Full PDB file with SEQRES, HELIX, SHEET, SSBOND, CRYST1, ORIGX, SCALE, CONECT and MASTER records, all heavy atoms in Angstrom:
SEQRES   1 A   38  GLU LYS GLY LYS PHE ILE HIS ASN MET THR GLU ASP GLU          
SEQRES   2 A   38  LYS TYR MET ARG ARG ALA ILE GLN LEU ALA LYS CYS GLY          
SEQRES   3 A   38  GLU ALA SER THR ALA PRO ASN PRO MET VAL GLY ALA              
HELIX    1 AA1 GLU A   11  ALA A   23  1                                  13    
HELIX    2 AA2 LYS A   24  GLY A   26  5                                   3    
CRYST1    1.000    1.000    1.000  90.00  90.00  90.00 P 1           1          
ORIGX1      1.000000  0.000000  0.000000        0.00000                         
ORIGX2      0.000000  1.000000  0.000000        0.00000                         
ORIGX3      0.000000  0.000000  1.000000        0.00000                         
SCALE1      1.000000  0.000000  0.000000        0.00000                         
SCALE2      0.000000  1.000000  0.000000        0.00000                         
SCALE3      0.000000  0.000000  1.000000        0.00000                         
ATOM      1  N   GLU A   1     128.449  90.037  89.313  1.00  0.00           N  
ATOM      2  CA  GLU A   1     128.457  90.719  90.602  1.00  0.00           C  
ATOM      3  C   GLU A   1     127.132  91.389  90.900  1.00  0.00           C  
ATOM      4  O   GLU A   1     126.790  91.626  92.048  1.00  0.00           O  
ATOM      5  CB  GLU A   1     129.571  91.778  90.626  1.00  0.00           C  
ATOM      6  CG  GLU A   1     130.973  91.195  90.515  1.00  0.00           C  
ATOM      7  CD  GLU A   1     131.283  90.274  91.671  1.00  0.00           C  
ATOM      8  OE1 GLU A   1     130.885  90.596  92.801  1.00  0.00           O  
ATOM      9  OE2 GLU A   1     131.905  89.226  91.439  1.00  0.00           O  
ATOM     10  N   LYS A   2     126.373  91.735  89.855  1.00  0.00           N  
ATOM     11  CA  LYS A   2     125.138  92.473  90.064  1.00  0.00           C  
ATOM     12  C   LYS A   2     124.103  91.612  90.759  1.00  0.00           C  
ATOM     13  O   LYS A   2     123.813  90.488  90.356  1.00  0.00           O  
ATOM     14  CB  LYS A   2     124.583  92.977  88.722  1.00  0.00           C  
ATOM     15  CG  LYS A   2     123.304  93.777  88.839  1.00  0.00           C  
ATOM     16  CD  LYS A   2     123.486  95.029  89.677  1.00  0.00           C  
ATOM     17  CE  LYS A   2     122.207  95.825  89.757  1.00  0.00           C  
ATOM     18  NZ  LYS A   2     122.348  96.989  90.606  1.00  0.00           N  
ATOM     19  N   GLY A   3     123.524  92.137  91.779  1.00  0.00           N  
ATOM     20  CA  GLY A   3     122.452  91.447  92.466  1.00  0.00           C  
ATOM     21  C   GLY A   3     122.914  90.380  93.434  1.00  0.00           C  
ATOM     22  O   GLY A   3     122.094  89.725  94.068  1.00  0.00           O  
ATOM     23  N   LYS A   4     124.215  90.176  93.547  1.00  0.00           N  
ATOM     24  CA  LYS A   4     124.711  89.143  94.456  1.00  0.00           C  
ATOM     25  C   LYS A   4     124.620  89.644  95.896  1.00  0.00           C  
ATOM     26  O   LYS A   4     125.202  90.647  96.254  1.00  0.00           O  
ATOM     27  CB  LYS A   4     126.148  88.803  94.113  1.00  0.00           C  
ATOM     28  CG  LYS A   4     126.717  87.683  94.996  1.00  0.00           C  
ATOM     29  CD  LYS A   4     128.203  87.528  94.788  1.00  0.00           C  
ATOM     30  CE  LYS A   4     128.527  87.030  93.412  1.00  0.00           C  
ATOM     31  NZ  LYS A   4     129.963  86.806  93.237  1.00  0.00           N  
ATOM     32  N   PHE A   5     123.879  88.951  96.716  1.00  0.00           N  
ATOM     33  CA  PHE A   5     123.776  89.327  98.124  1.00  0.00           C  
ATOM     34  C   PHE A   5     125.016  88.841  98.865  1.00  0.00           C  
ATOM     35  O   PHE A   5     125.457  87.711  98.703  1.00  0.00           O  
ATOM     36  CB  PHE A   5     122.524  88.718  98.749  1.00  0.00           C  
ATOM     37  CG  PHE A   5     122.302  89.147 100.166  1.00  0.00           C  
ATOM     38  CD1 PHE A   5     121.741  90.388 100.442  1.00  0.00           C  
ATOM     39  CD2 PHE A   5     122.676  88.334 101.225  1.00  0.00           C  
ATOM     40  CE1 PHE A   5     121.546  90.790 101.750  1.00  0.00           C  
ATOM     41  CE2 PHE A   5     122.482  88.737 102.532  1.00  0.00           C  
ATOM     42  CZ  PHE A   5     121.916  89.968 102.792  1.00  0.00           C  
ATOM     43  N   ILE A   6     125.600  89.714  99.614  1.00  0.00           N  
ATOM     44  CA  ILE A   6     126.851  89.385 100.288  1.00  0.00           C  
ATOM     45  C   ILE A   6     126.562  88.670 101.603  1.00  0.00           C  
ATOM     46  O   ILE A   6     126.001  89.232 102.532  1.00  0.00           O  
ATOM     47  CB  ILE A   6     127.677  90.650 100.538  1.00  0.00           C  
ATOM     48  CG1 ILE A   6     127.980  91.335  99.212  1.00  0.00           C  
ATOM     49  CG2 ILE A   6     128.958  90.318 101.280  1.00  0.00           C  
ATOM     50  CD1 ILE A   6     128.732  92.623  99.369  1.00  0.00           C  
ATOM     51  N   HIS A   7     126.956  87.390 101.663  1.00  0.00           N  
ATOM     52  CA  HIS A   7     126.803  86.595 102.872  1.00  0.00           C  
ATOM     53  C   HIS A   7     128.112  86.612 103.656  1.00  0.00           C  
ATOM     54  O   HIS A   7     129.149  87.061 103.186  1.00  0.00           O  
ATOM     55  CB  HIS A   7     126.403  85.163 102.518  1.00  0.00           C  
ATOM     56  CG  HIS A   7     125.086  85.060 101.824  1.00  0.00           C  
ATOM     57  ND1 HIS A   7     123.884  85.093 102.485  1.00  0.00           N  
ATOM     58  CD2 HIS A   7     124.785  84.953 100.511  1.00  0.00           C  
ATOM     59  CE1 HIS A   7     122.892  84.981 101.625  1.00  0.00           C  
ATOM     60  NE2 HIS A   7     123.412  84.906 100.409  1.00  0.00           N  
ATOM     61  N   ASN A   8     128.053  86.070 104.858  1.00  0.00           N  
ATOM     62  CA  ASN A   8     129.254  85.960 105.687  1.00  0.00           C  
ATOM     63  C   ASN A   8     129.971  87.300 105.860  1.00  0.00           C  
ATOM     64  O   ASN A   8     131.190  87.375 105.836  1.00  0.00           O  
ATOM     65  CB  ASN A   8     130.216  84.920 105.090  1.00  0.00           C  
ATOM     66  CG  ASN A   8     129.568  83.560 104.934  1.00  0.00           C  
ATOM     67  OD1 ASN A   8     128.824  83.116 105.803  1.00  0.00           O  
ATOM     68  ND2 ASN A   8     129.848  82.896 103.816  1.00  0.00           N  
ATOM     69  N   MET A   9     129.199  88.349 106.020  1.00  0.00           N  
ATOM     70  CA  MET A   9     129.776  89.668 106.231  1.00  0.00           C  
ATOM     71  C   MET A   9     130.416  89.735 107.614  1.00  0.00           C  
ATOM     72  O   MET A   9     129.842  89.296 108.604  1.00  0.00           O  
ATOM     73  CB  MET A   9     128.675  90.737 106.121  1.00  0.00           C  
ATOM     74  CG  MET A   9     129.186  92.166 106.088  1.00  0.00           C  
ATOM     75  SD  MET A   9     127.823  93.364 106.078  1.00  0.00           S  
ATOM     76  CE  MET A   9     126.916  92.857 104.634  1.00  0.00           C  
ATOM     77  N   THR A  10     131.622  90.268 107.674  1.00  0.00           N  
ATOM     78  CA  THR A  10     132.298  90.398 108.963  1.00  0.00           C  
ATOM     79  C   THR A  10     131.682  91.538 109.760  1.00  0.00           C  
ATOM     80  O   THR A  10     130.965  92.389 109.221  1.00  0.00           O  
ATOM     81  CB  THR A  10     133.791  90.656 108.771  1.00  0.00           C  
ATOM     82  OG1 THR A  10     133.966  91.966 108.178  1.00  0.00           O  
ATOM     83  CG2 THR A  10     134.433  89.611 107.868  1.00  0.00           C  
ATOM     84  N   GLU A  11     131.997  91.566 111.045  1.00  0.00           N  
ATOM     85  CA  GLU A  11     131.512  92.654 111.889  1.00  0.00           C  
ATOM     86  C   GLU A  11     132.021  93.991 111.378  1.00  0.00           C  
ATOM     87  O   GLU A  11     131.278  94.978 111.329  1.00  0.00           O  
ATOM     88  CB  GLU A  11     131.970  92.432 113.337  1.00  0.00           C  
ATOM     89  CG  GLU A  11     131.221  91.332 114.067  1.00  0.00           C  
ATOM     90  CD  GLU A  11     129.761  91.706 114.334  1.00  0.00           C  
ATOM     91  OE1 GLU A  11     129.528  92.659 115.098  1.00  0.00           O  
ATOM     92  OE2 GLU A  11     128.866  91.050 113.773  1.00  0.00           O  
ATOM     93  N   ASP A  12     133.295  94.046 111.008  1.00  0.00           N  
ATOM     94  CA  ASP A  12     133.863  95.295 110.508  1.00  0.00           C  
ATOM     95  C   ASP A  12     133.151  95.759 109.241  1.00  0.00           C  
ATOM     96  O   ASP A  12     132.866  96.951 109.076  1.00  0.00           O  
ATOM     97  CB  ASP A  12     135.360  95.135 110.227  1.00  0.00           C  
ATOM     98  CG  ASP A  12     136.195  95.106 111.502  1.00  0.00           C  
ATOM     99  OD1 ASP A  12     135.666  95.505 112.559  1.00  0.00           O  
ATOM    100  OD2 ASP A  12     137.370  94.699 111.431  1.00  0.00           O  
ATOM    101  N   GLU A  13     132.860  94.828 108.341  1.00  0.00           N  
ATOM    102  CA  GLU A  13     132.177  95.192 107.101  1.00  0.00           C  
ATOM    103  C   GLU A  13     130.756  95.675 107.368  1.00  0.00           C  
ATOM    104  O   GLU A  13     130.269  96.608 106.717  1.00  0.00           O  
ATOM    105  CB  GLU A  13     132.172  93.997 106.147  1.00  0.00           C  
ATOM    106  CG  GLU A  13     133.538  93.659 105.579  1.00  0.00           C  
ATOM    107  CD  GLU A  13     133.534  92.381 104.777  1.00  0.00           C  
ATOM    108  OE1 GLU A  13     132.584  91.570 104.949  1.00  0.00           O  
ATOM    109  OE2 GLU A  13     134.469  92.174 103.992  1.00  0.00           O  
ATOM    110  N   LYS A  14     130.090  95.052 108.321  1.00  0.00           N  
ATOM    111  CA  LYS A  14     128.716  95.453 108.651  1.00  0.00           C  
ATOM    112  C   LYS A  14     128.661  96.906 109.111  1.00  0.00           C  
ATOM    113  O   LYS A  14     127.837  97.689 108.623  1.00  0.00           O  
ATOM    114  CB  LYS A  14     128.160  94.534 109.747  1.00  0.00           C  
ATOM    115  CG  LYS A  14     126.746  94.896 110.187  1.00  0.00           C  
ATOM    116  CD  LYS A  14     126.200  93.881 111.179  1.00  0.00           C  
ATOM    117  CE  LYS A  14     126.939  93.942 112.508  1.00  0.00           C  
ATOM    118  NZ  LYS A  14     126.327  93.048 113.520  1.00  0.00           N  
ATOM    119  N   TYR A  15     129.546  97.286 110.004  1.00  0.00           N  
ATOM    120  CA  TYR A  15     129.519  98.655 110.512  1.00  0.00           C  
ATOM    121  C   TYR A  15     130.073  99.649 109.496  1.00  0.00           C  
ATOM    122  O   TYR A  15     129.635 100.803 109.454  1.00  0.00           O  
ATOM    123  CB  TYR A  15     130.290  98.738 111.828  1.00  0.00           C  
ATOM    124  CG  TYR A  15     129.648  97.926 112.940  1.00  0.00           C  
ATOM    125  CD1 TYR A  15     130.358  96.924 113.595  1.00  0.00           C  
ATOM    126  CD2 TYR A  15     128.325  98.148 113.314  1.00  0.00           C  
ATOM    127  CE1 TYR A  15     129.773  96.171 114.605  1.00  0.00           C  
ATOM    128  CE2 TYR A  15     127.724  97.398 114.313  1.00  0.00           C  
ATOM    129  CZ  TYR A  15     128.458  96.406 114.960  1.00  0.00           C  
ATOM    130  OH  TYR A  15     127.864  95.662 115.952  1.00  0.00           O  
ATOM    131  N   MET A  16     131.014  99.194 108.650  1.00  0.00           N  
ATOM    132  CA  MET A  16     131.522 100.090 107.622  1.00  0.00           C  
ATOM    133  C   MET A  16     130.451 100.377 106.576  1.00  0.00           C  
ATOM    134  O   MET A  16     130.381 101.496 106.036  1.00  0.00           O  
ATOM    135  CB  MET A  16     132.764  99.500 106.958  1.00  0.00           C  
ATOM    136  CG  MET A  16     133.483 100.471 106.012  1.00  0.00           C  
ATOM    137  SD  MET A  16     134.089 101.967 106.870  1.00  0.00           S  
ATOM    138  CE  MET A  16     135.499 101.283 107.753  1.00  0.00           C  
ATOM    139  N   ARG A  17     129.601  99.397 106.287  1.00  0.00           N  
ATOM    140  CA  ARG A  17     128.507  99.651 105.340  1.00  0.00           C  
ATOM    141  C   ARG A  17     127.564 100.720 105.886  1.00  0.00           C  
ATOM    142  O   ARG A  17     127.031 101.535 105.128  1.00  0.00           O  
ATOM    143  CB  ARG A  17     127.741  98.362 105.041  1.00  0.00           C  
ATOM    144  CG  ARG A  17     128.517  97.403 104.175  1.00  0.00           C  
ATOM    145  CD  ARG A  17     127.669  96.315 103.557  1.00  0.00           C  
ATOM    146  NE  ARG A  17     128.501  95.436 102.761  1.00  0.00           N  
ATOM    147  CZ  ARG A  17     128.917  95.682 101.532  1.00  0.00           C  
ATOM    148  NH1 ARG A  17     128.544  96.816 100.937  1.00  0.00           N  
ATOM    149  NH2 ARG A  17     129.673  94.825 100.869  1.00  0.00           N  
ATOM    150  N   ARG A  18     127.356 100.718 107.172  1.00  0.00           N  
ATOM    151  CA  ARG A  18     126.526 101.766 107.760  1.00  0.00           C  
ATOM    152  C   ARG A  18     127.226 103.121 107.635  1.00  0.00           C  
ATOM    153  O   ARG A  18     126.581 104.134 107.333  1.00  0.00           O  
ATOM    154  CB  ARG A  18     126.241 101.443 109.237  1.00  0.00           C  
ATOM    155  CG  ARG A  18     125.476 102.533 109.979  1.00  0.00           C  
ATOM    156  CD  ARG A  18     124.159 102.878 109.295  1.00  0.00           C  
ATOM    157  NE  ARG A  18     123.466 103.960 109.982  1.00  0.00           N  
ATOM    158  CZ  ARG A  18     122.494 104.678 109.442  1.00  0.00           C  
ATOM    159  NH1 ARG A  18     122.103 104.442 108.191  1.00  0.00           N  
ATOM    160  NH2 ARG A  18     121.910 105.637 110.129  1.00  0.00           N  
ATOM    161  N   ALA A  19     128.532 103.138 107.826  1.00  0.00           N  
ATOM    162  CA  ALA A  19     129.279 104.390 107.675  1.00  0.00           C  
ATOM    163  C   ALA A  19     129.202 104.904 106.236  1.00  0.00           C  
ATOM    164  O   ALA A  19     129.105 106.112 106.002  1.00  0.00           O  
ATOM    165  CB  ALA A  19     130.733 104.176 108.089  1.00  0.00           C  
ATOM    166  N   ILE A  20     129.216 103.991 105.277  1.00  0.00           N  
ATOM    167  CA  ILE A  20     129.090 104.383 103.866  1.00  0.00           C  
ATOM    168  C   ILE A  20     127.716 105.000 103.611  1.00  0.00           C  
ATOM    169  O   ILE A  20     127.588 106.008 102.908  1.00  0.00           O  
ATOM    170  CB  ILE A  20     129.325 103.157 102.960  1.00  0.00           C  
ATOM    171  CG1 ILE A  20     130.797 102.737 103.013  1.00  0.00           C  
ATOM    172  CG2 ILE A  20     128.910 103.454 101.523  1.00  0.00           C  
ATOM    173  CD1 ILE A  20     131.082 101.419 102.316  1.00  0.00           C  
ATOM    174  N   GLN A  21     126.676 104.393 104.177  1.00  0.00           N  
ATOM    175  CA  GLN A  21     125.328 104.962 104.045  1.00  0.00           C  
ATOM    176  C   GLN A  21     125.283 106.389 104.582  1.00  0.00           C  
ATOM    177  O   GLN A  21     124.702 107.293 103.965  1.00  0.00           O  
ATOM    178  CB  GLN A  21     124.309 104.102 104.792  1.00  0.00           C  
ATOM    179  CG  GLN A  21     124.022 102.756 104.166  1.00  0.00           C  
ATOM    180  CD  GLN A  21     123.024 101.957 104.999  1.00  0.00           C  
ATOM    181  OE1 GLN A  21     122.992 102.055 106.230  1.00  0.00           O  
ATOM    182  NE2 GLN A  21     122.203 101.155 104.327  1.00  0.00           N  
ATOM    183  N   LEU A  22     125.878 106.593 105.733  1.00  0.00           N  
ATOM    184  CA  LEU A  22     125.885 107.922 106.337  1.00  0.00           C  
ATOM    185  C   LEU A  22     126.652 108.919 105.481  1.00  0.00           C  
ATOM    186  O   LEU A  22     126.225 110.070 105.312  1.00  0.00           O  
ATOM    187  CB  LEU A  22     126.510 107.851 107.738  1.00  0.00           C  
ATOM    188  CG  LEU A  22     125.693 107.114 108.799  1.00  0.00           C  
ATOM    189  CD1 LEU A  22     126.560 106.796 110.006  1.00  0.00           C  
ATOM    190  CD2 LEU A  22     124.486 107.954 109.221  1.00  0.00           C  
ATOM    191  N   ALA A  23     127.788 108.491 104.938  1.00  0.00           N  
ATOM    192  CA  ALA A  23     128.610 109.396 104.131  1.00  0.00           C  
ATOM    193  C   ALA A  23     127.811 109.998 102.985  1.00  0.00           C  
ATOM    194  O   ALA A  23     127.927 111.186 102.678  1.00  0.00           O  
ATOM    195  CB  ALA A  23     129.832 108.656 103.603  1.00  0.00           C  
ATOM    196  N   LYS A  24     126.976 109.185 102.351  1.00  0.00           N  
ATOM    197  CA  LYS A  24     126.219 109.637 101.187  1.00  0.00           C  
ATOM    198  C   LYS A  24     125.172 110.693 101.533  1.00  0.00           C  
ATOM    199  O   LYS A  24     124.653 111.366 100.632  1.00  0.00           O  
ATOM    200  CB  LYS A  24     125.562 108.441 100.502  1.00  0.00           C  
ATOM    201  CG  LYS A  24     126.574 107.475  99.896  1.00  0.00           C  
ATOM    202  CD  LYS A  24     125.904 106.256  99.289  1.00  0.00           C  
ATOM    203  CE  LYS A  24     126.934 105.295  98.693  1.00  0.00           C  
ATOM    204  NZ  LYS A  24     126.299 104.083  98.122  1.00  0.00           N  
ATOM    205  N   CYS A  25     124.881 110.869 102.804  1.00  0.00           N  
ATOM    206  CA  CYS A  25     123.934 111.914 103.220  1.00  0.00           C  
ATOM    207  C   CYS A  25     124.500 113.313 102.967  1.00  0.00           C  
ATOM    208  O   CYS A  25     123.752 114.291 102.942  1.00  0.00           O  
ATOM    209  CB  CYS A  25     123.591 111.763 104.699  1.00  0.00           C  
ATOM    210  SG  CYS A  25     122.675 110.273 105.112  1.00  0.00           S  
ATOM    211  N   GLY A  26     125.816 113.409 102.798  1.00  0.00           N  
ATOM    212  CA  GLY A  26     126.439 114.706 102.570  1.00  0.00           C  
ATOM    213  C   GLY A  26     126.587 115.078 101.112  1.00  0.00           C  
ATOM    214  O   GLY A  26     127.273 116.054 100.782  1.00  0.00           O  
ATOM    215  N   GLU A  27     125.928 114.330 100.232  1.00  0.00           N  
ATOM    216  CA  GLU A  27     126.067 114.575  98.803  1.00  0.00           C  
ATOM    217  C   GLU A  27     125.701 116.011  98.432  1.00  0.00           C  
ATOM    218  O   GLU A  27     124.721 116.572  98.907  1.00  0.00           O  
ATOM    219  CB  GLU A  27     125.176 113.602  98.011  1.00  0.00           C  
ATOM    220  CG  GLU A  27     125.353 113.695  96.513  1.00  0.00           C  
ATOM    221  CD  GLU A  27     124.502 112.676  95.778  1.00  0.00           C  
ATOM    222  OE1 GLU A  27     123.406 112.351  96.271  1.00  0.00           O  
ATOM    223  OE2 GLU A  27     124.929 112.202  94.721  1.00  0.00           O  
ATOM    224  N   ALA A  28     126.544 116.610  97.584  1.00  0.00           N  
ATOM    225  CA  ALA A  28     126.331 117.954  97.028  1.00  0.00           C  
ATOM    226  C   ALA A  28     126.490 119.068  98.056  1.00  0.00           C  
ATOM    227  O   ALA A  28     126.185 120.225  97.758  1.00  0.00           O  
ATOM    228  CB  ALA A  28     124.952 118.061  96.371  1.00  0.00           C  
ATOM    229  N   SER A  29     126.969 118.760  99.264  1.00  0.00           N  
ATOM    230  CA  SER A  29     127.130 119.823 100.259  1.00  0.00           C  
ATOM    231  C   SER A  29     128.520 119.876 100.873  1.00  0.00           C  
ATOM    232  O   SER A  29     128.821 120.800 101.627  1.00  0.00           O  
ATOM    233  CB  SER A  29     126.093 119.662 101.376  1.00  0.00           C  
ATOM    234  OG  SER A  29     126.277 118.440 102.061  1.00  0.00           O  
ATOM    235  N   THR A  30     129.387 118.911 100.559  1.00  0.00           N  
ATOM    236  CA  THR A  30     130.701 118.873 101.213  1.00  0.00           C  
ATOM    237  C   THR A  30     131.847 119.346 100.319  1.00  0.00           C  
ATOM    238  O   THR A  30     132.928 119.645 100.817  1.00  0.00           O  
ATOM    239  CB  THR A  30     131.037 117.450 101.689  1.00  0.00           C  
ATOM    240  OG1 THR A  30     131.178 116.590 100.555  1.00  0.00           O  
ATOM    241  CG2 THR A  30     129.952 116.916 102.596  1.00  0.00           C  
ATOM    242  N   ALA A  31     131.657 119.371  99.007  1.00  0.00           N  
ATOM    243  CA  ALA A  31     132.744 119.717  98.077  1.00  0.00           C  
ATOM    244  C   ALA A  31     133.327 121.096  98.411  1.00  0.00           C  
ATOM    245  O   ALA A  31     132.598 122.007  98.801  1.00  0.00           O  
ATOM    246  CB  ALA A  31     132.222 119.707  96.645  1.00  0.00           C  
ATOM    247  N   PRO A  32     134.650 121.235  98.297  1.00  0.00           N  
ATOM    248  CA  PRO A  32     135.610 120.272  97.737  1.00  0.00           C  
ATOM    249  C   PRO A  32     136.064 119.185  98.705  1.00  0.00           C  
ATOM    250  O   PRO A  32     136.908 118.368  98.358  1.00  0.00           O  
ATOM    251  CB  PRO A  32     136.795 121.161  97.362  1.00  0.00           C  
ATOM    252  CG  PRO A  32     136.763 122.261  98.379  1.00  0.00           C  
ATOM    253  CD  PRO A  32     135.299 122.528  98.628  1.00  0.00           C  
ATOM    254  N   ASN A  33     135.536 119.187  99.918  1.00  0.00           N  
ATOM    255  CA  ASN A  33     135.859 118.099 100.842  1.00  0.00           C  
ATOM    256  C   ASN A  33     135.126 116.830 100.416  1.00  0.00           C  
ATOM    257  O   ASN A  33     134.070 116.892  99.768  1.00  0.00           O  
ATOM    258  CB  ASN A  33     135.447 118.459 102.273  1.00  0.00           C  
ATOM    259  CG  ASN A  33     136.394 119.452 102.915  1.00  0.00           C  
ATOM    260  OD1 ASN A  33     137.439 119.778 102.356  1.00  0.00           O  
ATOM    261  ND2 ASN A  33     136.034 119.940 104.081  1.00  0.00           N  
ATOM    262  N   PRO A  34     135.637 115.670 100.795  1.00  0.00           N  
ATOM    263  CA  PRO A  34     134.957 114.415 100.454  1.00  0.00           C  
ATOM    264  C   PRO A  34     133.784 114.142 101.373  1.00  0.00           C  
ATOM    265  O   PRO A  34     133.665 114.712 102.462  1.00  0.00           O  
ATOM    266  CB  PRO A  34     136.058 113.368 100.651  1.00  0.00           C  
ATOM    267  CG  PRO A  34     136.919 113.954 101.729  1.00  0.00           C  
ATOM    268  CD  PRO A  34     136.925 115.442 101.483  1.00  0.00           C  
ATOM    269  N   MET A  35     132.898 113.258 100.942  1.00  0.00           N  
ATOM    270  CA  MET A  35     131.837 112.756 101.808  1.00  0.00           C  
ATOM    271  C   MET A  35     132.433 111.674 102.705  1.00  0.00           C  
ATOM    272  O   MET A  35     133.124 110.775 102.225  1.00  0.00           O  
ATOM    273  CB  MET A  35     130.692 112.179 100.976  1.00  0.00           C  
ATOM    274  CG  MET A  35     129.941 113.194 100.149  1.00  0.00           C  
ATOM    275  SD  MET A  35     128.584 112.451  99.207  1.00  0.00           S  
ATOM    276  CE  MET A  35     129.495 111.595  97.912  1.00  0.00           C  
ATOM    277  N   VAL A  36     132.160 111.759 103.993  1.00  0.00           N  
ATOM    278  CA  VAL A  36     132.718 110.815 104.963  1.00  0.00           C  
ATOM    279  C   VAL A  36     131.639 110.457 105.975  1.00  0.00           C  
ATOM    280  O   VAL A  36     130.868 111.317 106.406  1.00  0.00           O  
ATOM    281  CB  VAL A  36     133.939 111.410 105.697  1.00  0.00           C  
ATOM    282  CG1 VAL A  36     134.529 110.387 106.672  1.00  0.00           C  
ATOM    283  CG2 VAL A  36     135.008 111.857 104.702  1.00  0.00           C  
ATOM    284  N   GLY A  37     131.605 109.177 106.353  1.00  0.00           N  
ATOM    285  CA  GLY A  37     130.694 108.717 107.387  1.00  0.00           C  
ATOM    286  C   GLY A  37     131.464 108.027 108.492  1.00  0.00           C  
ATOM    287  O   GLY A  37     132.532 107.453 108.266  1.00  0.00           O  
ATOM    288  N   ALA A  38     130.926 108.080 109.717  1.00  0.00           N  
ATOM    289  CA  ALA A  38     131.592 107.462 110.868  1.00  0.00           C  
ATOM    290  C   ALA A  38     130.561 106.828 111.786  1.00  0.00           C  
ATOM    291  O   ALA A  38     129.456 107.367 111.976  1.00  0.00           O  
ATOM    292  CB  ALA A  38     132.407 108.495 111.642  1.00  0.00           C  
TER     293      ALA A  38                                                      
MASTER        0    0    0    2    0    0    0    6  292    1    0    3          
END                                                                             
């Protein structure tokens, strides 16, 4: 699985990956709440 580039990504997956990137911007500042991106 390591290094495998994901092809044929759906539209939903493409935008969710961006939401995941955004969520990580809240690292170390949201606890005890979770990190969330939208």
